[in-house]
């Protein structure tokens, strides 16, 4: 449970920084921010149709097939083994598609995979 909280916090901090690529409607979650990371994270986006987009190794707006995702992430992790690896899943995509994205990242060698969420609106 502690690991999941830490991952959630990491993603809450980095979510505002991840505005590139495909537009997705992120789920909301309450979490405290964490310290800024020196390296840009590896982010696999799953849009509402279930297509995969990666922010490294090519055009972040071109959909990728699963073998390409695994190959590109594995190449990045060989160069930067401590890179944070995250999934940005649209809130309307099937849960199974987001889990499949996490499995792809683990197959590429990611030891930890986090989820990017959006902070809920603040009440006044």
PDB file of N, CA and C in Angstrom:
ATOM      1  N   UNK A   1       0.839  -1.190   0.000  1.00  0.00           N
ATOM      2  CA  UNK A   1       0.000   0.000   0.000  1.00  0.00           C
ATOM      3  C   UNK A   1       0.880   1.248   0.000  1.00  0.00           C
ATOM      4  N   UNK A   2       1.976   1.248   0.740  1.00  0.00           N
ATOM      5  CA  UNK A   2       2.862   2.405   0.776  1.00  0.00           C
ATOM      6  C   UNK A   2       3.486   2.678  -0.592  1.00  0.00           C
ATOM      7  N   UNK A   3       3.841   1.619  -1.303  1.00  0.00           N
ATOM      8  CA  UNK A   3       4.441   1.782  -2.629  1.00  0.00           C
ATOM      9  C   UNK A   3       3.441   2.437  -3.571  1.00  0.00           C
ATOM     10  N   UNK A   4       2.198   2.005  -3.509  1.00  0.00           N
ATOM     11  CA  UNK A   4       1.180   2.581  -4.386  1.00  0.00           C
ATOM     12  C   UNK A   4       0.967   4.066  -4.074  1.00  0.00           C
ATOM     13  N   UNK A   5       0.997   4.432  -2.801  1.00  0.00           N
ATOM     14  CA  UNK A   5       0.829   5.831  -2.423  1.00  0.00           C
ATOM     15  C   UNK A   5       1.986   6.667  -2.957  1.00  0.00           C
ATOM     16  N   UNK A   6       3.196   6.150  -2.827  1.00  0.00           N
ATOM     17  CA  UNK A   6       4.363   6.868  -3.333  1.00  0.00           C
ATOM     18  C   UNK A   6       4.260   7.050  -4.845  1.00  0.00           C
ATOM     19  N   UNK A   7       3.871   5.984  -5.551  1.00  0.00           N
ATOM     20  CA  UNK A   7       3.725   6.092  -7.001  1.00  0.00           C
ATOM     21  C   UNK A   7       2.645   7.106  -7.372  1.00  0.00           C
ATOM     22  N   UNK A   8       1.550   7.083  -6.650  1.00  0.00           N
ATOM     23  CA  UNK A   8       0.476   8.030  -6.917  1.00  0.00           C
ATOM     24  C   UNK A   8       0.959   9.463  -6.715  1.00  0.00           C
ATOM     25  N   UNK A   9       1.712   9.681  -5.657  1.00  0.00           N
ATOM     26  CA  UNK A   9       2.233  11.014  -5.377  1.00  0.00           C
ATOM     27  C   UNK A   9       3.191  11.458  -6.484  1.00  0.00           C
ATOM     28  N   UNK A  10       4.043  10.558  -6.922  1.00  0.00           N
ATOM     29  CA  UNK A  10       4.977  10.885  -8.005  1.00  0.00           C
ATOM     30  C   UNK A  10       4.216  11.328  -9.245  1.00  0.00           C
ATOM     31  N   UNK A  11       3.161  10.625  -9.558  1.00  0.00           N
ATOM     32  CA  UNK A  11       2.411  10.952 -10.761  1.00  0.00           C
ATOM     33  C   UNK A  11       1.615  12.235 -10.619  1.00  0.00           C
ATOM     34  N   UNK A  12       1.168  12.518  -9.418  1.00  0.00           N
ATOM     35  CA  UNK A  12       0.442  13.765  -9.212  1.00  0.00           C
ATOM     36  C   UNK A  12       1.363  14.962  -9.446  1.00  0.00           C
ATOM     37  N   UNK A  13       2.625  14.817  -9.098  1.00  0.00           N
ATOM     38  CA  UNK A  13       3.585  15.901  -9.295  1.00  0.00           C
ATOM     39  C   UNK A  13       3.913  16.065 -10.769  1.00  0.00           C
ATOM     40  N   UNK A  14       4.131  14.965 -11.441  1.00  0.00           N
ATOM     41  CA  UNK A  14       4.588  15.044 -12.825  1.00  0.00           C
ATOM     42  C   UNK A  14       3.458  15.244 -13.824  1.00  0.00           C
ATOM     43  N   UNK A  15       2.234  15.002 -13.435  1.00  0.00           N
ATOM     44  CA  UNK A  15       1.109  15.123 -14.363  1.00  0.00           C
ATOM     45  C   UNK A  15       1.016  16.508 -15.005  1.00  0.00           C
ATOM     46  N   UNK A  16       1.164  17.589 -14.243  1.00  0.00           N
ATOM     47  CA  UNK A  16       1.090  18.902 -14.898  1.00  0.00           C
ATOM     48  C   UNK A  16       2.206  19.130 -15.911  1.00  0.00           C
ATOM     49  N   UNK A  17       3.310  18.425 -15.776  1.00  0.00           N
ATOM     50  CA  UNK A  17       4.431  18.583 -16.692  1.00  0.00           C
ATOM     51  C   UNK A  17       4.234  17.802 -17.982  1.00  0.00           C
ATOM     52  N   UNK A  18       3.265  16.912 -18.002  1.00  0.00           N
ATOM     53  CA  UNK A  18       3.074  16.008 -19.131  1.00  0.00           C
ATOM     54  C   UNK A  18       1.955  16.492 -20.039  1.00  0.00           C
ATOM     55  N   UNK A  19       2.150  17.608 -20.663  1.00  0.00           N
ATOM     56  CA  UNK A  19       1.092  18.164 -21.495  1.00  0.00           C
ATOM     57  C   UNK A  19       1.327  17.918 -22.977  1.00  0.00           C
ATOM     58  N   UNK A  20       2.387  17.188 -23.309  1.00  0.00           N
ATOM     59  CA  UNK A  20       2.690  16.935 -24.706  1.00  0.00           C
ATOM     60  C   UNK A  20       1.882  15.761 -25.226  1.00  0.00           C
ATOM     61  N   UNK A  21       1.877  15.640 -26.548  1.00  0.00           N
ATOM     62  CA  UNK A  21       1.301  14.449 -27.160  1.00  0.00           C
ATOM     63  C   UNK A  21      -0.207  14.467 -27.240  1.00  0.00           C
ATOM     64  N   UNK A  22      -0.774  13.292 -27.107  1.00  0.00           N
ATOM     65  CA  UNK A  22      -2.193  13.051 -27.307  1.00  0.00           C
ATOM     66  C   UNK A  22      -2.998  13.571 -26.121  1.00  0.00           C
ATOM     67  N   UNK A  23      -4.139  14.142 -26.410  1.00  0.00           N
ATOM     68  CA  UNK A  23      -5.012  14.647 -25.360  1.00  0.00           C
ATOM     69  C   UNK A  23      -5.828  13.501 -24.767  1.00  0.00           C
ATOM     70  N   UNK A  24      -5.758  13.357 -23.449  1.00  0.00           N
ATOM     71  CA  UNK A  24      -6.562  12.356 -22.757  1.00  0.00           C
ATOM     72  C   UNK A  24      -7.257  13.012 -21.577  1.00  0.00           C
ATOM     73  N   UNK A  25      -8.384  12.465 -21.197  1.00  0.00           N
ATOM     74  CA  UNK A  25      -9.152  12.930 -20.051  1.00  0.00           C
ATOM     75  C   UNK A  25      -8.726  12.085 -18.862  1.00  0.00           C
ATOM     76  N   UNK A  26      -7.806  12.614 -18.039  1.00  0.00           N
ATOM     77  CA  UNK A  26      -7.239  11.842 -16.935  1.00  0.00           C
ATOM     78  C   UNK A  26      -8.219  11.709 -15.782  1.00  0.00           C
ATOM     79  N   UNK A  27      -8.151  10.585 -15.065  1.00  0.00           N
ATOM     80  CA  UNK A  27      -8.945  10.450 -13.847  1.00  0.00           C
ATOM     81  C   UNK A  27      -8.390  11.372 -12.766  1.00  0.00           C
ATOM     82  N   UNK A  28      -9.231  11.714 -11.798  1.00  0.00           N
ATOM     83  CA  UNK A  28      -8.800  12.591 -10.714  1.00  0.00           C
ATOM     84  C   UNK A  28      -8.479  11.776  -9.472  1.00  0.00           C
ATOM     85  N   UNK A  29      -7.497  12.254  -8.695  1.00  0.00           N
ATOM     86  CA  UNK A  29      -7.123  11.604  -7.444  1.00  0.00           C
ATOM     87  C   UNK A  29      -6.466  12.630  -6.532  1.00  0.00           C
ATOM     88  N   UNK A  30      -6.708  12.501  -5.236  1.00  0.00           N
ATOM     89  CA  UNK A  30      -6.052  13.356  -4.252  1.00  0.00           C
ATOM     90  C   UNK A  30      -4.724  12.735  -3.868  1.00  0.00           C
ATOM     91  N   UNK A  31      -3.667  13.505  -3.940  1.00  0.00           N
ATOM     92  CA  UNK A  31      -2.343  13.037  -3.532  1.00  0.00           C
ATOM     93  C   UNK A  31      -1.467  14.248  -3.280  1.00  0.00           C
ATOM     94  N   UNK A  32      -0.474  14.061  -2.434  1.00  0.00           N
ATOM     95  CA  UNK A  32       0.466  15.138  -2.154  1.00  0.00           C
ATOM     96  C   UNK A  32       1.553  15.140  -3.221  1.00  0.00           C
ATOM     97  N   UNK A  33       2.051  16.315  -3.584  1.00  0.00           N
ATOM     98  CA  UNK A  33       3.122  16.396  -4.577  1.00  0.00           C
ATOM     99  C   UNK A  33       4.435  15.826  -4.040  1.00  0.00           C
ATOM    100  N   UNK A  34       5.288  15.386  -4.955  1.00  0.00           N
ATOM    101  CA  UNK A  34       6.617  14.900  -4.585  1.00  0.00           C
ATOM    102  C   UNK A  34       7.663  15.804  -5.217  1.00  0.00           C
ATOM    103  N   UNK A  35       8.920  15.602  -4.834  1.00  0.00           N
ATOM    104  CA  UNK A  35      10.020  16.403  -5.365  1.00  0.00           C
ATOM    105  C   UNK A  35      10.134  16.236  -6.871  1.00  0.00           C
ATOM    106  N   UNK A  36      10.545  17.295  -7.530  1.00  0.00           N
ATOM    107  CA  UNK A  36      10.722  17.285  -8.983  1.00  0.00           C
ATOM    108  C   UNK A  36      11.852  16.339  -9.368  1.00  0.00           C
ATOM    109  N   UNK A  37      11.696  15.667 -10.501  1.00  0.00           N
ATOM    110  CA  UNK A  37      12.712  14.737 -10.984  1.00  0.00           C
ATOM    111  C   UNK A  37      13.616  15.452 -11.978  1.00  0.00           C
ATOM    112  N   UNK A  38      14.898  15.050 -12.003  1.00  0.00           N
ATOM    113  CA  UNK A  38      15.854  15.693 -12.898  1.00  0.00           C
ATOM    114  C   UNK A  38      15.688  15.227 -14.344  1.00  0.00           C
ATOM    115  N   UNK A  39      15.243  14.000 -14.564  1.00  0.00           N
ATOM    116  CA  UNK A  39      15.064  13.457 -15.909  1.00  0.00           C
ATOM    117  C   UNK A  39      13.588  13.443 -16.287  1.00  0.00           C
ATOM    118  N   UNK A  40      13.336  13.595 -17.569  1.00  0.00           N
ATOM    119  CA  UNK A  40      11.961  13.474 -18.055  1.00  0.00           C
ATOM    120  C   UNK A  40      11.531  12.012 -17.958  1.00  0.00           C
ATOM    121  N   UNK A  41      10.325  11.756 -17.480  1.00  0.00           N
ATOM    122  CA  UNK A  41       9.861  10.373 -17.368  1.00  0.00           C
ATOM    123  C   UNK A  41       9.485   9.785 -18.728  1.00  0.00           C
ATOM    124  N   UNK A  42       9.464   8.473 -18.789  1.00  0.00           N
ATOM    125  CA  UNK A  42       8.951   7.757 -19.955  1.00  0.00           C
ATOM    126  C   UNK A  42       7.450   7.633 -19.736  1.00  0.00           C
ATOM    127  N   UNK A  43       6.660   8.140 -20.665  1.00  0.00           N
ATOM    128  CA  UNK A  43       5.206   8.151 -20.485  1.00  0.00           C
ATOM    129  C   UNK A  43       4.532   7.436 -21.653  1.00  0.00           C
ATOM    130  N   UNK A  44       3.771   6.401 -21.317  1.00  0.00           N
ATOM    131  CA  UNK A  44       2.958   5.691 -22.303  1.00  0.00           C
ATOM    132  C   UNK A  44       1.519   6.156 -22.122  1.00  0.00           C
ATOM    133  N   UNK A  45       0.963   6.780 -23.153  1.00  0.00           N
ATOM    134  CA  UNK A  45      -0.404   7.288 -23.099  1.00  0.00           C
ATOM    135  C   UNK A  45      -1.339   6.286 -23.764  1.00  0.00           C
ATOM    136  N   UNK A  46      -2.483   6.045 -23.119  1.00  0.00           N
ATOM    137  CA  UNK A  46      -3.532   5.198 -23.687  1.00  0.00           C
ATOM    138  C   UNK A  46      -4.740   6.108 -23.890  1.00  0.00           C
ATOM    139  N   UNK A  47      -5.105   6.357 -25.151  1.00  0.00           N
ATOM    140  CA  UNK A  47      -6.223   7.264 -25.402  1.00  0.00           C
ATOM    141  C   UNK A  47      -7.562   6.547 -25.240  1.00  0.00           C
ATOM    142  N   UNK A  48      -8.649   7.268 -25.451  1.00  0.00           N
ATOM    143  CA  UNK A  48      -9.982   6.708 -25.204  1.00  0.00           C
ATOM    144  C   UNK A  48     -10.320   5.531 -26.110  1.00  0.00           C
ATOM    145  N   UNK A  49      -9.634   5.413 -27.248  1.00  0.00           N
ATOM    146  CA  UNK A  49      -9.879   4.271 -28.135  1.00  0.00           C
ATOM    147  C   UNK A  49      -8.971   3.085 -27.818  1.00  0.00           C
ATOM    148  N   UNK A  50      -8.027   3.275 -26.891  1.00  0.00           N
ATOM    149  CA  UNK A  50      -7.116   2.194 -26.512  1.00  0.00           C
ATOM    150  C   UNK A  50      -5.804   2.195 -27.273  1.00  0.00           C
ATOM    151  N   UNK A  51      -5.559   3.225 -28.090  1.00  0.00           N
ATOM    152  CA  UNK A  51      -4.298   3.315 -28.844  1.00  0.00           C
ATOM    153  C   UNK A  51      -3.171   3.769 -27.920  1.00  0.00           C
ATOM    154  N   UNK A  52      -1.939   3.313 -28.229  1.00  0.00           N
ATOM    155  CA  UNK A  52      -0.761   3.626 -27.417  1.00  0.00           C
ATOM    156  C   UNK A  52       0.085   4.708 -28.081  1.00  0.00           C
ATOM    157  N   UNK A  53       0.574   5.646 -27.254  1.00  0.00           N
ATOM    158  CA  UNK A  53       1.456   6.719 -27.701  1.00  0.00           C
ATOM    159  C   UNK A  53       2.592   6.828 -26.695  1.00  0.00           C
ATOM    160  N   UNK A  54       3.804   7.049 -27.193  1.00  0.00           N
ATOM    161  CA  UNK A  54       4.975   7.108 -26.326  1.00  0.00           C
ATOM    162  C   UNK A  54       5.670   8.449 -26.506  1.00  0.00           C
ATOM    163  N   UNK A  55       6.132   9.043 -25.401  1.00  0.00           N
ATOM    164  CA  UNK A  55       6.762  10.361 -25.468  1.00  0.00           C
ATOM    165  C   UNK A  55       8.253  10.304 -25.789  1.00  0.00           C
ATOM    166  N   UNK A  56       8.806   9.126 -26.041  1.00  0.00           N
ATOM    167  CA  UNK A  56      10.230   8.990 -26.366  1.00  0.00           C
ATOM    168  C   UNK A  56      10.405   8.160 -27.637  1.00  0.00           C
ATOM    169  N   UNK A  57      11.497   8.400 -28.344  1.00  0.00           N
ATOM    170  CA  UNK A  57      11.864   7.560 -29.475  1.00  0.00           C
ATOM    171  C   UNK A  57      11.098   7.791 -30.758  1.00  0.00           C
ATOM    172  N   UNK A  58      10.491   8.939 -30.923  1.00  0.00           N
ATOM    173  CA  UNK A  58       9.752   9.204 -32.157  1.00  0.00           C
ATOM    174  C   UNK A  58       8.693  10.262 -31.943  1.00  0.00           C
ATOM    175  N   UNK A  59       7.770  10.349 -32.883  1.00  0.00           N
ATOM    176  CA  UNK A  59       6.693  11.332 -32.811  1.00  0.00           C
ATOM    177  C   UNK A  59       5.684  10.914 -31.746  1.00  0.00           C
ATOM    178  N   UNK A  60       5.495  11.737 -30.698  1.00  0.00           N
ATOM    179  CA  UNK A  60       4.576  11.363 -29.618  1.00  0.00           C
ATOM    180  C   UNK A  60       3.103  11.355 -30.022  1.00  0.00           C
ATOM    181  N   UNK A  61       2.793  11.809 -31.241  1.00  0.00           N
ATOM    182  CA  UNK A  61       1.402  11.828 -31.687  1.00  0.00           C
ATOM    183  C   UNK A  61       1.075  10.703 -32.657  1.00  0.00           C
ATOM    184  N   UNK A  62       2.019   9.790 -32.895  1.00  0.00           N
ATOM    185  CA  UNK A  62       1.774   8.627 -33.750  1.00  0.00           C
ATOM    186  C   UNK A  62       1.484   7.414 -32.885  1.00  0.00           C
ATOM    187  N   UNK A  63       0.365   6.750 -33.156  1.00  0.00           N
ATOM    188  CA  UNK A  63       0.004   5.543 -32.404  1.00  0.00           C
ATOM    189  C   UNK A  63       1.016   4.439 -32.703  1.00  0.00           C
ATOM    190  N   UNK A  64       1.304   3.627 -31.675  1.00  0.00           N
ATOM    191  CA  UNK A  64       2.290   2.551 -31.792  1.00  0.00           C
ATOM    192  C   UNK A  64       1.656   1.203 -31.502  1.00  0.00           C
ATOM    193  N   UNK A  65       2.194   0.160 -32.136  1.00  0.00           N
ATOM    194  CA  UNK A  65       1.752  -1.194 -31.812  1.00  0.00           C
ATOM    195  C   UNK A  65       2.543  -1.691 -30.595  1.00  0.00           C
ATOM    196  N   UNK A  66       2.023  -2.699 -29.886  1.00  0.00           N
ATOM    197  CA  UNK A  66       2.676  -3.169 -28.662  1.00  0.00           C
ATOM    198  C   UNK A  66       4.149  -3.554 -28.820  1.00  0.00           C
ATOM    199  N   UNK A  67       4.563  -4.286 -29.871  1.00  0.00           N
ATOM    200  CA  UNK A  67       5.993  -4.619 -29.979  1.00  0.00           C
ATOM    201  C   UNK A  67       6.893  -3.381 -30.103  1.00  0.00           C
ATOM    202  N   UNK A  68       6.411  -2.352 -30.779  1.00  0.00           N
ATOM    203  CA  UNK A  68       7.189  -1.120 -30.916  1.00  0.00           C
ATOM    204  C   UNK A  68       7.314  -0.414 -29.578  1.00  0.00           C
ATOM    205  N   UNK A  69       6.232  -0.403 -28.795  1.00  0.00           N
ATOM    206  CA  UNK A  69       6.274   0.196 -27.458  1.00  0.00           C
ATOM    207  C   UNK A  69       7.342  -0.498 -26.623  1.00  0.00           C
ATOM    208  N   UNK A  70       7.320  -1.825 -26.607  1.00  0.00           N
ATOM    209  CA  UNK A  70       8.285  -2.589 -25.806  1.00  0.00           C
ATOM    210  C   UNK A  70       9.709  -2.287 -26.262  1.00  0.00           C
ATOM    211  N   UNK A  71       9.954  -2.288 -27.564  1.00  0.00           N
ATOM    212  CA  UNK A  71      11.303  -2.050 -28.085  1.00  0.00           C
ATOM    213  C   UNK A  71      11.812  -0.653 -27.733  1.00  0.00           C
ATOM    214  N   UNK A  72      10.973   0.357 -27.895  1.00  0.00           N
ATOM    215  CA  UNK A  72      11.406   1.734 -27.611  1.00  0.00           C
ATOM    216  C   UNK A  72      11.651   1.956 -26.123  1.00  0.00           C
ATOM    217  N   UNK A  73      10.764   1.443 -25.289  1.00  0.00           N
ATOM    218  CA  UNK A  73      10.948   1.621 -23.847  1.00  0.00           C
ATOM    219  C   UNK A  73      12.186   0.864 -23.380  1.00  0.00           C
ATOM    220  N   UNK A  74      12.399  -0.336 -23.888  1.00  0.00           N
ATOM    221  CA  UNK A  74      13.588  -1.112 -23.519  1.00  0.00           C
ATOM    222  C   UNK A  74      14.858  -0.358 -23.898  1.00  0.00           C
ATOM    223  N   UNK A  75      14.871   0.278 -25.061  1.00  0.00           N
ATOM    224  CA  UNK A  75      16.043   1.041 -25.494  1.00  0.00           C
ATOM    225  C   UNK A  75      16.307   2.222 -24.564  1.00  0.00           C
ATOM    226  N   UNK A  76      15.252   2.917 -24.159  1.00  0.00           N
ATOM    227  CA  UNK A  76      15.410   4.051 -23.245  1.00  0.00           C
ATOM    228  C   UNK A  76      15.924   3.569 -21.893  1.00  0.00           C
ATOM    229  N   UNK A  77      15.372   2.466 -21.400  1.00  0.00           N
ATOM    230  CA  UNK A  77      15.778   1.966 -20.087  1.00  0.00           C
ATOM    231  C   UNK A  77      17.203   1.425 -20.085  1.00  0.00           C
ATOM    232  N   UNK A  78      17.710   0.991 -21.220  1.00  0.00           N
ATOM    233  CA  UNK A  78      19.124   0.595 -21.300  1.00  0.00           C
ATOM    234  C   UNK A  78      20.021   1.808 -21.095  1.00  0.00           C
ATOM    235  N   UNK A  79      19.602   2.937 -21.654  1.00  0.00           N
ATOM    236  CA  UNK A  79      20.371   4.175 -21.535  1.00  0.00           C
ATOM    237  C   UNK A  79      20.138   4.865 -20.193  1.00  0.00           C
ATOM    238  N   UNK A  80      18.895   4.818 -19.706  1.00  0.00           N
ATOM    239  CA  UNK A  80      18.532   5.481 -18.443  1.00  0.00           C
ATOM    240  C   UNK A  80      17.771   4.504 -17.554  1.00  0.00           C
ATOM    241  N   UNK A  81      18.470   3.586 -16.890  1.00  0.00           N
ATOM    242  CA  UNK A  81      17.790   2.545 -16.115  1.00  0.00           C
ATOM    243  C   UNK A  81      16.960   3.060 -14.938  1.00  0.00           C
ATOM    244  N   UNK A  82      17.244   4.254 -14.455  1.00  0.00           N
ATOM    245  CA  UNK A  82      16.503   4.813 -13.314  1.00  0.00           C
ATOM    246  C   UNK A  82      15.357   5.726 -13.746  1.00  0.00           C
ATOM    247  N   UNK A  83      15.086   5.793 -15.037  1.00  0.00           N
ATOM    248  CA  UNK A  83      14.024   6.675 -15.530  1.00  0.00           C
ATOM    249  C   UNK A  83      12.670   6.254 -14.964  1.00  0.00           C
ATOM    250  N   UNK A  84      11.882   7.247 -14.566  1.00  0.00           N
ATOM    251  CA  UNK A  84      10.518   6.976 -14.112  1.00  0.00           C
ATOM    252  C   UNK A  84       9.684   6.557 -15.320  1.00  0.00           C
ATOM    253  N   UNK A  85       8.838   5.559 -15.126  1.00  0.00           N
ATOM    254  CA  UNK A  85       7.994   5.039 -16.202  1.00  0.00           C
ATOM    255  C   UNK A  85       6.538   5.165 -15.761  1.00  0.00           C
ATOM    256  N   UNK A  86       5.723   5.806 -16.589  1.00  0.00           N
ATOM    257  CA  UNK A  86       4.346   6.094 -16.206  1.00  0.00           C
ATOM    258  C   UNK A  86       3.361   5.786 -17.320  1.00  0.00           C
ATOM    259  N   UNK A  87       2.117   5.575 -16.907  1.00  0.00           N
ATOM    260  CA  UNK A  87       1.012   5.370 -17.842  1.00  0.00           C
ATOM    261  C   UNK A  87       0.018   6.513 -17.663  1.00  0.00           C
ATOM    262  N   UNK A  88      -0.352   7.155 -18.772  1.00  0.00           N
ATOM    263  CA  UNK A  88      -1.423   8.157 -18.788  1.00  0.00           C
ATOM    264  C   UNK A  88      -2.607   7.509 -19.476  1.00  0.00           C
ATOM    265  N   UNK A  89      -3.562   7.055 -18.707  1.00  0.00           N
ATOM    266  CA  UNK A  89      -4.733   6.396 -19.271  1.00  0.00           C
ATOM    267  C   UNK A  89      -5.950   7.294 -19.243  1.00  0.00           C
ATOM    268  N   UNK A  90      -6.608   7.432 -20.375  1.00  0.00           N
ATOM    269  CA  UNK A  90      -7.842   8.206 -20.434  1.00  0.00           C
ATOM    270  C   UNK A  90      -8.867   7.585 -19.489  1.00  0.00           C
ATOM    271  N   UNK A  91      -9.622   8.415 -18.801  1.00  0.00           N
ATOM    272  CA  UNK A  91     -10.590   7.901 -17.830  1.00  0.00           C
ATOM    273  C   UNK A  91     -11.683   7.061 -18.482  1.00  0.00           C
ATOM    274  N   UNK A  92     -11.875   7.202 -19.798  1.00  0.00           N
ATOM    275  CA  UNK A  92     -12.925   6.464 -20.496  1.00  0.00           C
ATOM    276  C   UNK A  92     -12.447   5.179 -21.158  1.00  0.00           C
ATOM    277  N   UNK A  93     -11.146   4.903 -21.092  1.00  0.00           N
ATOM    278  CA  UNK A  93     -10.622   3.687 -21.706  1.00  0.00           C
ATOM    279  C   UNK A  93     -10.897   2.498 -20.785  1.00  0.00           C
ATOM    280  N   UNK A  94     -11.039   1.328 -21.373  1.00  0.00           N
ATOM    281  CA  UNK A  94     -11.275   0.121 -20.577  1.00  0.00           C
ATOM    282  C   UNK A  94     -10.082  -0.144 -19.661  1.00  0.00           C
ATOM    283  N   UNK A  95     -10.383  -0.598 -18.462  1.00  0.00           N
ATOM    284  CA  UNK A  95      -9.352  -0.913 -17.474  1.00  0.00           C
ATOM    285  C   UNK A  95      -8.333  -1.897 -18.038  1.00  0.00           C
ATOM    286  N   UNK A  96      -8.794  -2.859 -18.792  1.00  0.00           N
ATOM    287  CA  UNK A  96      -7.908  -3.872 -19.362  1.00  0.00           C
ATOM    288  C   UNK A  96      -6.853  -3.285 -20.286  1.00  0.00           C
ATOM    289  N   UNK A  97      -7.180  -2.201 -20.996  1.00  0.00           N
ATOM    290  CA  UNK A  97      -6.209  -1.558 -21.884  1.00  0.00           C
ATOM    291  C   UNK A  97      -5.090  -0.895 -21.082  1.00  0.00           C
ATOM    292  N   UNK A  98      -5.453  -0.286 -19.963  1.00  0.00           N
ATOM    293  CA  UNK A  98      -4.435   0.335 -19.113  1.00  0.00           C
ATOM    294  C   UNK A  98      -3.549  -0.742 -18.489  1.00  0.00           C
ATOM    295  N   UNK A  99      -4.154  -1.835 -18.057  1.00  0.00           N
ATOM    296  CA  UNK A  99      -3.360  -2.936 -17.497  1.00  0.00           C
ATOM    297  C   UNK A  99      -2.448  -3.536 -18.564  1.00  0.00           C
ATOM    298  N   UNK A 100      -2.935  -3.650 -19.790  1.00  0.00           N
ATOM    299  CA  UNK A 100      -2.099  -4.170 -20.882  1.00  0.00           C
ATOM    300  C   UNK A 100      -0.912  -3.242 -21.125  1.00  0.00           C
ATOM    301  N   UNK A 101      -1.127  -1.935 -21.008  1.00  0.00           N
ATOM    302  CA  UNK A 101      -0.034  -0.972 -21.162  1.00  0.00           C
ATOM    303  C   UNK A 101       1.011  -1.178 -20.071  1.00  0.00           C
ATOM    304  N   UNK A 102       0.560  -1.415 -18.851  1.00  0.00           N
ATOM    305  CA  UNK A 102       1.492  -1.649 -17.748  1.00  0.00           C
ATOM    306  C   UNK A 102       2.290  -2.933 -17.974  1.00  0.00           C
ATOM    307  N   UNK A 103       1.646  -3.953 -18.500  1.00  0.00           N
ATOM    308  CA  UNK A 103       2.335  -5.215 -18.800  1.00  0.00           C
ATOM    309  C   UNK A 103       3.394  -4.992 -19.881  1.00  0.00           C
ATOM    310  N   UNK A 104       3.078  -4.191 -20.899  1.00  0.00           N
ATOM    311  CA  UNK A 104       4.057  -3.882 -21.944  1.00  0.00           C
ATOM    312  C   UNK A 104       5.289  -3.200 -21.351  1.00  0.00           C
ATOM    313  N   UNK A 105       5.062  -2.255 -20.455  1.00  0.00           N
ATOM    314  CA  UNK A 105       6.177  -1.542 -19.840  1.00  0.00           C
ATOM    315  C   UNK A 105       7.027  -2.466 -18.981  1.00  0.00           C
ATOM    316  N   UNK A 106       6.387  -3.369 -18.273  1.00  0.00           N
ATOM    317  CA  UNK A 106       7.144  -4.338 -17.479  1.00  0.00           C
ATOM    318  C   UNK A 106       7.920  -5.285 -18.385  1.00  0.00           C
ATOM    319  N   UNK A 107       7.343  -5.667 -19.517  1.00  0.00           N
ATOM    320  CA  UNK A 107       8.042  -6.530 -20.474  1.00  0.00           C
ATOM    321  C   UNK A 107       9.269  -5.827 -21.049  1.00  0.00           C
ATOM    322  N   UNK A 108       9.222  -4.499 -21.098  1.00  0.00           N
ATOM    323  CA  UNK A 108      10.353  -3.721 -21.607  1.00  0.00           C
ATOM    324  C   UNK A 108      11.451  -3.559 -20.567  1.00  0.00           C
ATOM    325  N   UNK A 109      11.180  -3.976 -19.333  1.00  0.00           N
ATOM    326  CA  UNK A 109      12.197  -3.895 -18.290  1.00  0.00           C
ATOM    327  C   UNK A 109      11.924  -2.891 -17.193  1.00  0.00           C
ATOM    328  N   UNK A 110      10.764  -2.246 -17.222  1.00  0.00           N
ATOM    329  CA  UNK A 110      10.428  -1.287 -16.171  1.00  0.00           C
ATOM    330  C   UNK A 110      10.100  -2.044 -14.886  1.00  0.00           C
ATOM    331  N   UNK A 111      10.829  -1.740 -13.819  1.00  0.00           N
ATOM    332  CA  UNK A 111      10.580  -2.408 -12.543  1.00  0.00           C
ATOM    333  C   UNK A 111       9.376  -1.820 -11.828  1.00  0.00           C
ATOM    334  N   UNK A 112       9.189  -0.515 -11.989  1.00  0.00           N
ATOM    335  CA  UNK A 112       8.058   0.172 -11.367  1.00  0.00           C
ATOM    336  C   UNK A 112       7.335   0.961 -12.444  1.00  0.00           C
ATOM    337  N   UNK A 113       6.026   0.867 -12.427  1.00  0.00           N
ATOM    338  CA  UNK A 113       5.203   1.607 -13.383  1.00  0.00           C
ATOM    339  C   UNK A 113       4.162   2.371 -12.582  1.00  0.00           C
ATOM    340  N   UNK A 114       4.076   3.668 -12.808  1.00  0.00           N
ATOM    341  CA  UNK A 114       3.121   4.489 -12.090  1.00  0.00           C
ATOM    342  C   UNK A 114       2.009   4.976 -12.999  1.00  0.00           C
ATOM    343  N   UNK A 115       0.996   5.556 -12.369  1.00  0.00           N
ATOM    344  CA  UNK A 115      -0.165   6.076 -13.083  1.00  0.00           C
ATOM    345  C   UNK A 115      -0.199   7.599 -12.952  1.00  0.00           C
ATOM    346  N   UNK A 116      -0.494   8.274 -14.047  1.00  0.00           N
ATOM    347  CA  UNK A 116      -0.645   9.723 -14.041  1.00  0.00           C
ATOM    348  C   UNK A 116      -2.125  10.034 -13.830  1.00  0.00           C
ATOM    349  N   UNK A 117      -2.401  10.915 -12.877  1.00  0.00           N
ATOM    350  CA  UNK A 117      -3.776  11.355 -12.625  1.00  0.00           C
ATOM    351  C   UNK A 117      -3.818  12.876 -12.634  1.00  0.00           C
ATOM    352  N   UNK A 118      -4.992  13.401 -12.490  1.00  0.00           N
ATOM    353  CA  UNK A 118      -5.206  14.841 -12.469  1.00  0.00           C
ATOM    354  C   UNK A 118      -5.717  15.228 -11.091  1.00  0.00           C
ATOM    355  N   UNK A 119      -5.275  16.364 -10.574  1.00  0.00           N
ATOM    356  CA  UNK A 119      -5.772  16.833  -9.282  1.00  0.00           C
ATOM    357  C   UNK A 119      -7.226  17.258  -9.425  1.00  0.00           C
ATOM    358  N   UNK A 120      -8.064  16.908  -8.436  1.00  0.00           N
ATOM    359  CA  UNK A 120      -9.456  17.356  -8.508  1.00  0.00           C
ATOM    360  C   UNK A 120      -9.533  18.870  -8.330  1.00  0.00           C
ATOM    361  N   UNK A 121     -10.581  19.489  -8.846  1.00  0.00           N
ATOM    362  CA  UNK A 121     -10.708  20.941  -8.683  1.00  0.00           C
ATOM    363  C   UNK A 121     -10.828  21.310  -7.209  1.00  0.00           C
ATOM    364  N   UNK A 122     -10.226  22.424  -6.857  1.00  0.00           N
ATOM    365  CA  UNK A 122     -10.269  22.892  -5.470  1.00  0.00           C
ATOM    366  C   UNK A 122     -11.592  23.598  -5.209  1.00  0.00           C
ATOM    367  N   UNK A 123     -12.206  23.257  -4.075  1.00  0.00           N
ATOM    368  CA  UNK A 123     -13.458  23.922  -3.686  1.00  0.00           C
ATOM    369  C   UNK A 123     -13.127  25.233  -3.010  1.00  0.00           C
ATOM    370  N   UNK A 124     -13.953  26.219  -3.233  1.00  0.00           N
ATOM    371  CA  UNK A 124     -13.718  27.535  -2.619  1.00  0.00           C
ATOM    372  C   UNK A 124     -14.702  27.778  -1.530  1.00  0.00           C
TER     373      UNK A 124
END
